[in-house]
Amino acid sequence: MSNLKSVQHITKDNPNRWFIVTDSDPGEEGFVVFGNVGPINETELNTGQPNIYTFLTENELEAYVDNIAGTRYYQTSVEDSSPKFQLPSEKYEPIIPDLDVD
């Protein structure tokens, strides 16, 4: 990740399908949205935000996010259906609370 550089958008043919959009706030406060852009050659991402960082794998994105926000932040965001996470994840599933009311 040492050659991490910001892009303006993620094109349909970009193999890096994992991304994070950040603003100027420090740490996790700067996370706008992160996750999966969708299938290659089908979807693209153009947010208008100046800071979009792309990753080839979900593991790379998870390591980047957790390095800034703390261990398991990424996993917890997916499992808790954080509005900052763009589904799908290849590693984790959202946890649906049991709404069984007696």
N, C-alpha and C. Protein backbone atom coordinates (compact mmCIF):
# COMPACT_ATOMS: atom_id res chain seq x y z
N MET A 1 0.82 -1.20 0.00
CA MET A 1 0.00 0.00 0.00
C MET A 1 0.85 1.25 0.00
N SER A 2 2.14 1.12 -0.13
CA SER A 2 2.99 2.30 -0.10
C SER A 2 2.79 3.18 -1.32
N ASN A 3 2.26 2.65 -2.43
CA ASN A 3 2.01 3.48 -3.60
C ASN A 3 0.54 3.86 -3.70
N LEU A 4 -0.10 4.06 -2.58
CA LEU A 4 -1.50 4.47 -2.54
C LEU A 4 -1.60 5.89 -3.10
N LYS A 5 -2.48 6.05 -4.10
CA LYS A 5 -2.69 7.39 -4.63
C LYS A 5 -4.16 7.61 -4.91
N SER A 6 -4.56 8.83 -4.76
CA SER A 6 -5.95 9.20 -4.92
C SER A 6 -6.34 9.26 -6.39
N VAL A 7 -7.57 8.81 -6.70
CA VAL A 7 -8.10 8.92 -8.05
C VAL A 7 -9.39 9.73 -7.98
N GLN A 8 -9.85 10.19 -9.13
CA GLN A 8 -11.09 10.97 -9.18
C GLN A 8 -12.32 10.08 -9.35
N HIS A 9 -12.14 8.95 -10.02
CA HIS A 9 -13.24 7.99 -10.18
C HIS A 9 -12.67 6.61 -10.49
N ILE A 10 -13.50 5.60 -10.36
CA ILE A 10 -13.10 4.23 -10.66
C ILE A 10 -13.87 3.82 -11.91
N THR A 11 -13.13 3.55 -12.96
CA THR A 11 -13.75 3.19 -14.24
C THR A 11 -14.21 1.73 -14.24
N LYS A 12 -15.05 1.40 -15.21
CA LYS A 12 -15.57 0.03 -15.32
C LYS A 12 -14.48 -1.00 -15.49
N ASP A 13 -13.38 -0.63 -16.15
CA ASP A 13 -12.33 -1.61 -16.44
C ASP A 13 -11.18 -1.59 -15.42
N ASN A 14 -11.30 -0.80 -14.37
CA ASN A 14 -10.27 -0.77 -13.33
C ASN A 14 -10.37 -2.06 -12.50
N PRO A 15 -9.29 -2.85 -12.43
CA PRO A 15 -9.35 -4.11 -11.67
C PRO A 15 -9.44 -3.90 -10.16
N ASN A 16 -9.10 -2.72 -9.68
CA ASN A 16 -9.21 -2.41 -8.25
C ASN A 16 -10.67 -2.10 -7.93
N ARG A 17 -11.40 -3.10 -7.44
CA ARG A 17 -12.83 -2.96 -7.19
C ARG A 17 -13.15 -2.58 -5.75
N TRP A 18 -12.16 -2.51 -4.88
CA TRP A 18 -12.35 -2.14 -3.48
C TRP A 18 -11.87 -0.71 -3.30
N PHE A 19 -12.59 0.09 -2.51
CA PHE A 19 -12.28 1.53 -2.44
C PHE A 19 -12.62 2.11 -1.08
N ILE A 20 -12.05 3.28 -0.84
CA ILE A 20 -12.47 4.12 0.28
C ILE A 20 -12.48 5.57 -0.20
N VAL A 21 -13.51 6.29 0.16
CA VAL A 21 -13.62 7.72 -0.11
C VAL A 21 -13.44 8.42 1.22
N THR A 22 -12.53 9.38 1.26
CA THR A 22 -12.28 10.11 2.49
C THR A 22 -12.43 11.61 2.28
N ASP A 23 -12.66 12.32 3.39
CA ASP A 23 -12.64 13.77 3.34
C ASP A 23 -11.43 14.24 4.15
N SER A 24 -11.41 15.47 4.53
CA SER A 24 -10.22 16.02 5.19
C SER A 24 -10.18 15.80 6.70
N ASP A 25 -11.23 15.20 7.26
CA ASP A 25 -11.22 14.92 8.70
C ASP A 25 -10.19 13.85 9.02
N PRO A 26 -9.56 13.93 10.20
CA PRO A 26 -8.54 12.93 10.55
C PRO A 26 -9.16 11.59 10.97
N GLY A 27 -8.39 10.52 10.80
CA GLY A 27 -8.79 9.20 11.28
C GLY A 27 -10.09 8.71 10.67
N GLU A 28 -10.81 7.90 11.45
CA GLU A 28 -12.05 7.30 10.95
C GLU A 28 -13.13 8.35 10.69
N GLU A 29 -13.00 9.52 11.30
CA GLU A 29 -13.96 10.60 11.05
C GLU A 29 -13.95 11.00 9.57
N GLY A 30 -12.84 10.76 8.90
CA GLY A 30 -12.70 11.11 7.50
C GLY A 30 -13.27 10.09 6.53
N PHE A 31 -13.71 8.93 7.04
CA PHE A 31 -14.28 7.92 6.16
C PHE A 31 -15.66 8.37 5.69
N VAL A 32 -15.84 8.54 4.40
CA VAL A 32 -17.14 8.89 3.84
C VAL A 32 -17.88 7.60 3.50
N VAL A 33 -17.24 6.75 2.72
CA VAL A 33 -17.80 5.45 2.34
C VAL A 33 -16.65 4.56 1.91
N PHE A 34 -16.80 3.25 2.13
CA PHE A 34 -15.80 2.29 1.67
C PHE A 34 -16.50 0.98 1.36
N GLY A 35 -15.86 0.17 0.51
CA GLY A 35 -16.44 -1.12 0.18
C GLY A 35 -16.13 -1.55 -1.24
N ASN A 36 -17.13 -2.13 -1.89
CA ASN A 36 -16.97 -2.74 -3.21
C ASN A 36 -17.71 -1.92 -4.25
N VAL A 37 -17.00 -1.64 -5.35
CA VAL A 37 -17.59 -0.86 -6.43
C VAL A 37 -18.56 -1.67 -7.28
N GLY A 38 -18.42 -2.99 -7.27
CA GLY A 38 -19.28 -3.85 -8.08
C GLY A 38 -18.46 -4.58 -9.13
N PRO A 39 -19.12 -5.37 -9.96
CA PRO A 39 -18.42 -6.20 -10.94
C PRO A 39 -17.62 -5.39 -11.96
N ILE A 40 -16.44 -5.92 -12.30
CA ILE A 40 -15.61 -5.29 -13.32
C ILE A 40 -16.34 -5.30 -14.66
N ASN A 41 -16.14 -4.27 -15.42
CA ASN A 41 -16.76 -4.05 -16.73
C ASN A 41 -18.27 -3.83 -16.66
N GLU A 42 -18.80 -3.65 -15.45
CA GLU A 42 -20.24 -3.37 -15.31
C GLU A 42 -20.52 -2.08 -14.56
N THR A 43 -19.75 -1.80 -13.52
CA THR A 43 -20.04 -0.63 -12.69
C THR A 43 -18.82 0.25 -12.54
N GLU A 44 -19.07 1.51 -12.24
CA GLU A 44 -18.00 2.46 -11.98
C GLU A 44 -18.42 3.36 -10.84
N LEU A 45 -17.46 4.12 -10.32
CA LEU A 45 -17.73 5.00 -9.18
C LEU A 45 -17.21 6.39 -9.50
N ASN A 46 -18.09 7.36 -9.37
CA ASN A 46 -17.71 8.76 -9.53
C ASN A 46 -18.49 9.54 -8.49
N THR A 47 -17.81 9.96 -7.42
CA THR A 47 -18.50 10.59 -6.30
C THR A 47 -18.39 12.11 -6.28
N GLY A 48 -17.45 12.65 -7.02
CA GLY A 48 -17.19 14.07 -6.92
C GLY A 48 -16.25 14.40 -5.78
N GLN A 49 -15.93 13.41 -4.97
CA GLN A 49 -14.99 13.60 -3.86
C GLN A 49 -13.56 13.54 -4.42
N PRO A 50 -12.65 14.33 -3.87
CA PRO A 50 -11.28 14.34 -4.38
C PRO A 50 -10.43 13.16 -3.94
N ASN A 51 -10.82 12.46 -2.89
CA ASN A 51 -9.99 11.39 -2.34
C ASN A 51 -10.67 10.03 -2.42
N ILE A 52 -10.41 9.32 -3.50
CA ILE A 52 -10.86 7.94 -3.64
C ILE A 52 -9.59 7.11 -3.76
N TYR A 53 -9.43 6.15 -2.84
CA TYR A 53 -8.29 5.25 -2.87
C TYR A 53 -8.79 3.87 -3.23
N THR A 54 -8.08 3.19 -4.14
CA THR A 54 -8.53 1.89 -4.62
C THR A 54 -7.58 0.78 -4.21
N PHE A 55 -8.16 -0.42 -4.13
CA PHE A 55 -7.42 -1.61 -3.70
C PHE A 55 -7.83 -2.79 -4.56
N LEU A 56 -6.90 -3.68 -4.81
CA LEU A 56 -7.17 -4.86 -5.62
C LEU A 56 -8.00 -5.89 -4.86
N THR A 57 -7.77 -6.00 -3.53
CA THR A 57 -8.47 -7.02 -2.75
C THR A 57 -9.17 -6.41 -1.54
N GLU A 58 -10.14 -7.14 -1.03
CA GLU A 58 -10.81 -6.73 0.19
C GLU A 58 -9.85 -6.76 1.37
N ASN A 59 -8.93 -7.71 1.38
CA ASN A 59 -7.93 -7.77 2.47
C ASN A 59 -7.10 -6.49 2.53
N GLU A 60 -6.71 -5.97 1.37
CA GLU A 60 -5.92 -4.73 1.34
C GLU A 60 -6.74 -3.57 1.90
N LEU A 61 -8.01 -3.47 1.49
CA LEU A 61 -8.87 -2.40 2.00
C LEU A 61 -9.07 -2.54 3.50
N GLU A 62 -9.33 -3.76 3.96
CA GLU A 62 -9.54 -4.00 5.39
C GLU A 62 -8.30 -3.59 6.19
N ALA A 63 -7.12 -3.95 5.72
CA ALA A 63 -5.88 -3.58 6.42
C ALA A 63 -5.72 -2.07 6.49
N TYR A 64 -6.04 -1.38 5.40
CA TYR A 64 -5.93 0.09 5.37
C TYR A 64 -6.90 0.72 6.37
N VAL A 65 -8.16 0.28 6.34
CA VAL A 65 -9.18 0.84 7.23
C VAL A 65 -8.83 0.56 8.69
N ASP A 66 -8.48 -0.69 8.99
CA ASP A 66 -8.17 -1.05 10.38
C ASP A 66 -6.91 -0.36 10.89
N ASN A 67 -5.97 -0.09 10.01
CA ASN A 67 -4.75 0.63 10.41
C ASN A 67 -5.08 2.04 10.89
N ILE A 68 -6.09 2.64 10.32
CA ILE A 68 -6.49 3.99 10.70
C ILE A 68 -7.48 3.97 11.87
N ALA A 69 -8.48 3.10 11.79
CA ALA A 69 -9.59 3.15 12.75
C ALA A 69 -9.50 2.14 13.89
N GLY A 70 -8.59 1.18 13.80
CA GLY A 70 -8.45 0.19 14.86
C GLY A 70 -8.88 -1.20 14.42
N THR A 71 -8.33 -2.19 15.10
CA THR A 71 -8.59 -3.59 14.80
C THR A 71 -10.08 -3.90 14.76
N ARG A 72 -10.49 -4.61 13.73
CA ARG A 72 -11.86 -5.09 13.52
C ARG A 72 -12.87 -3.99 13.17
N TYR A 73 -12.43 -2.76 12.93
CA TYR A 73 -13.36 -1.70 12.53
C TYR A 73 -14.07 -2.09 11.24
N TYR A 74 -13.30 -2.60 10.29
CA TYR A 74 -13.85 -2.99 8.99
C TYR A 74 -14.90 -4.08 9.17
N GLN A 75 -14.52 -5.16 9.86
CA GLN A 75 -15.43 -6.29 10.07
C GLN A 75 -16.70 -5.84 10.80
N THR A 76 -16.54 -5.05 11.83
CA THR A 76 -17.69 -4.55 12.59
C THR A 76 -18.59 -3.69 11.71
N SER A 77 -18.00 -2.88 10.85
CA SER A 77 -18.80 -2.03 9.95
C SER A 77 -19.67 -2.87 9.03
N VAL A 78 -19.11 -3.96 8.51
CA VAL A 78 -19.88 -4.85 7.64
C VAL A 78 -20.97 -5.55 8.44
N GLU A 79 -20.59 -6.16 9.55
CA GLU A 79 -21.54 -6.95 10.33
C GLU A 79 -22.66 -6.11 10.94
N ASP A 80 -22.36 -4.86 11.27
CA ASP A 80 -23.37 -3.97 11.85
C ASP A 80 -24.12 -3.16 10.80
N SER A 81 -23.88 -3.44 9.52
CA SER A 81 -24.53 -2.74 8.41
C SER A 81 -24.34 -1.23 8.49
N SER A 82 -23.09 -0.83 8.74
CA SER A 82 -22.76 0.60 8.80
C SER A 82 -23.13 1.28 7.48
N PRO A 83 -23.72 2.48 7.56
CA PRO A 83 -24.02 3.20 6.32
C PRO A 83 -22.75 3.61 5.56
N LYS A 84 -21.60 3.50 6.21
CA LYS A 84 -20.35 3.83 5.54
C LYS A 84 -19.83 2.68 4.68
N PHE A 85 -20.40 1.46 4.85
CA PHE A 85 -19.91 0.32 4.08
C PHE A 85 -20.80 0.05 2.88
N GLN A 86 -20.18 -0.06 1.70
CA GLN A 86 -20.87 -0.36 0.45
C GLN A 86 -20.76 -1.86 0.19
N LEU A 87 -21.86 -2.58 0.31
CA LEU A 87 -21.89 -4.02 0.06
C LEU A 87 -21.59 -4.34 -1.40
N PRO A 88 -21.19 -5.57 -1.68
CA PRO A 88 -21.08 -6.72 -0.79
C PRO A 88 -19.67 -6.87 -0.23
N SER A 89 -19.54 -7.70 0.77
CA SER A 89 -18.26 -8.13 1.29
C SER A 89 -18.07 -9.58 0.89
N GLU A 90 -16.85 -9.95 0.56
CA GLU A 90 -16.55 -11.35 0.26
C GLU A 90 -16.13 -12.11 1.51
N LYS A 91 -15.94 -11.39 2.62
CA LYS A 91 -15.42 -12.00 3.85
C LYS A 91 -16.43 -12.08 4.98
N TYR A 92 -17.31 -11.08 5.08
CA TYR A 92 -18.21 -10.98 6.22
C TYR A 92 -19.65 -10.79 5.75
N GLU A 93 -20.57 -11.15 6.62
CA GLU A 93 -21.99 -10.99 6.35
C GLU A 93 -22.58 -10.04 7.38
N PRO A 94 -23.53 -9.19 6.97
CA PRO A 94 -24.22 -8.38 7.97
C PRO A 94 -24.96 -9.30 8.95
N ILE A 95 -24.96 -8.91 10.21
CA ILE A 95 -25.66 -9.68 11.24
C ILE A 95 -27.07 -9.08 11.37
N ILE A 96 -28.04 -9.90 11.10
CA ILE A 96 -29.44 -9.46 11.20
C ILE A 96 -29.91 -9.76 12.62
N PRO A 97 -30.31 -8.73 13.36
CA PRO A 97 -30.75 -8.99 14.73
C PRO A 97 -32.03 -9.82 14.76
N ASP A 98 -32.15 -10.64 15.76
CA ASP A 98 -33.35 -11.46 15.96
C ASP A 98 -34.46 -10.56 16.48
N LEU A 99 -35.49 -10.40 15.70
CA LEU A 99 -36.60 -9.52 16.07
C LEU A 99 -37.76 -10.28 16.68
N ASP A 100 -37.48 -11.48 17.16
CA ASP A 100 -38.51 -12.31 17.78
C ASP A 100 -38.96 -11.64 19.08
N VAL A 101 -40.14 -11.11 19.06
CA VAL A 101 -40.69 -10.41 20.22
C VAL A 101 -41.73 -11.32 20.86
N ASP A 102 -41.55 -11.56 22.13
CA ASP A 102 -42.52 -12.44 22.85
C ASP A 102 -43.73 -11.67 23.28
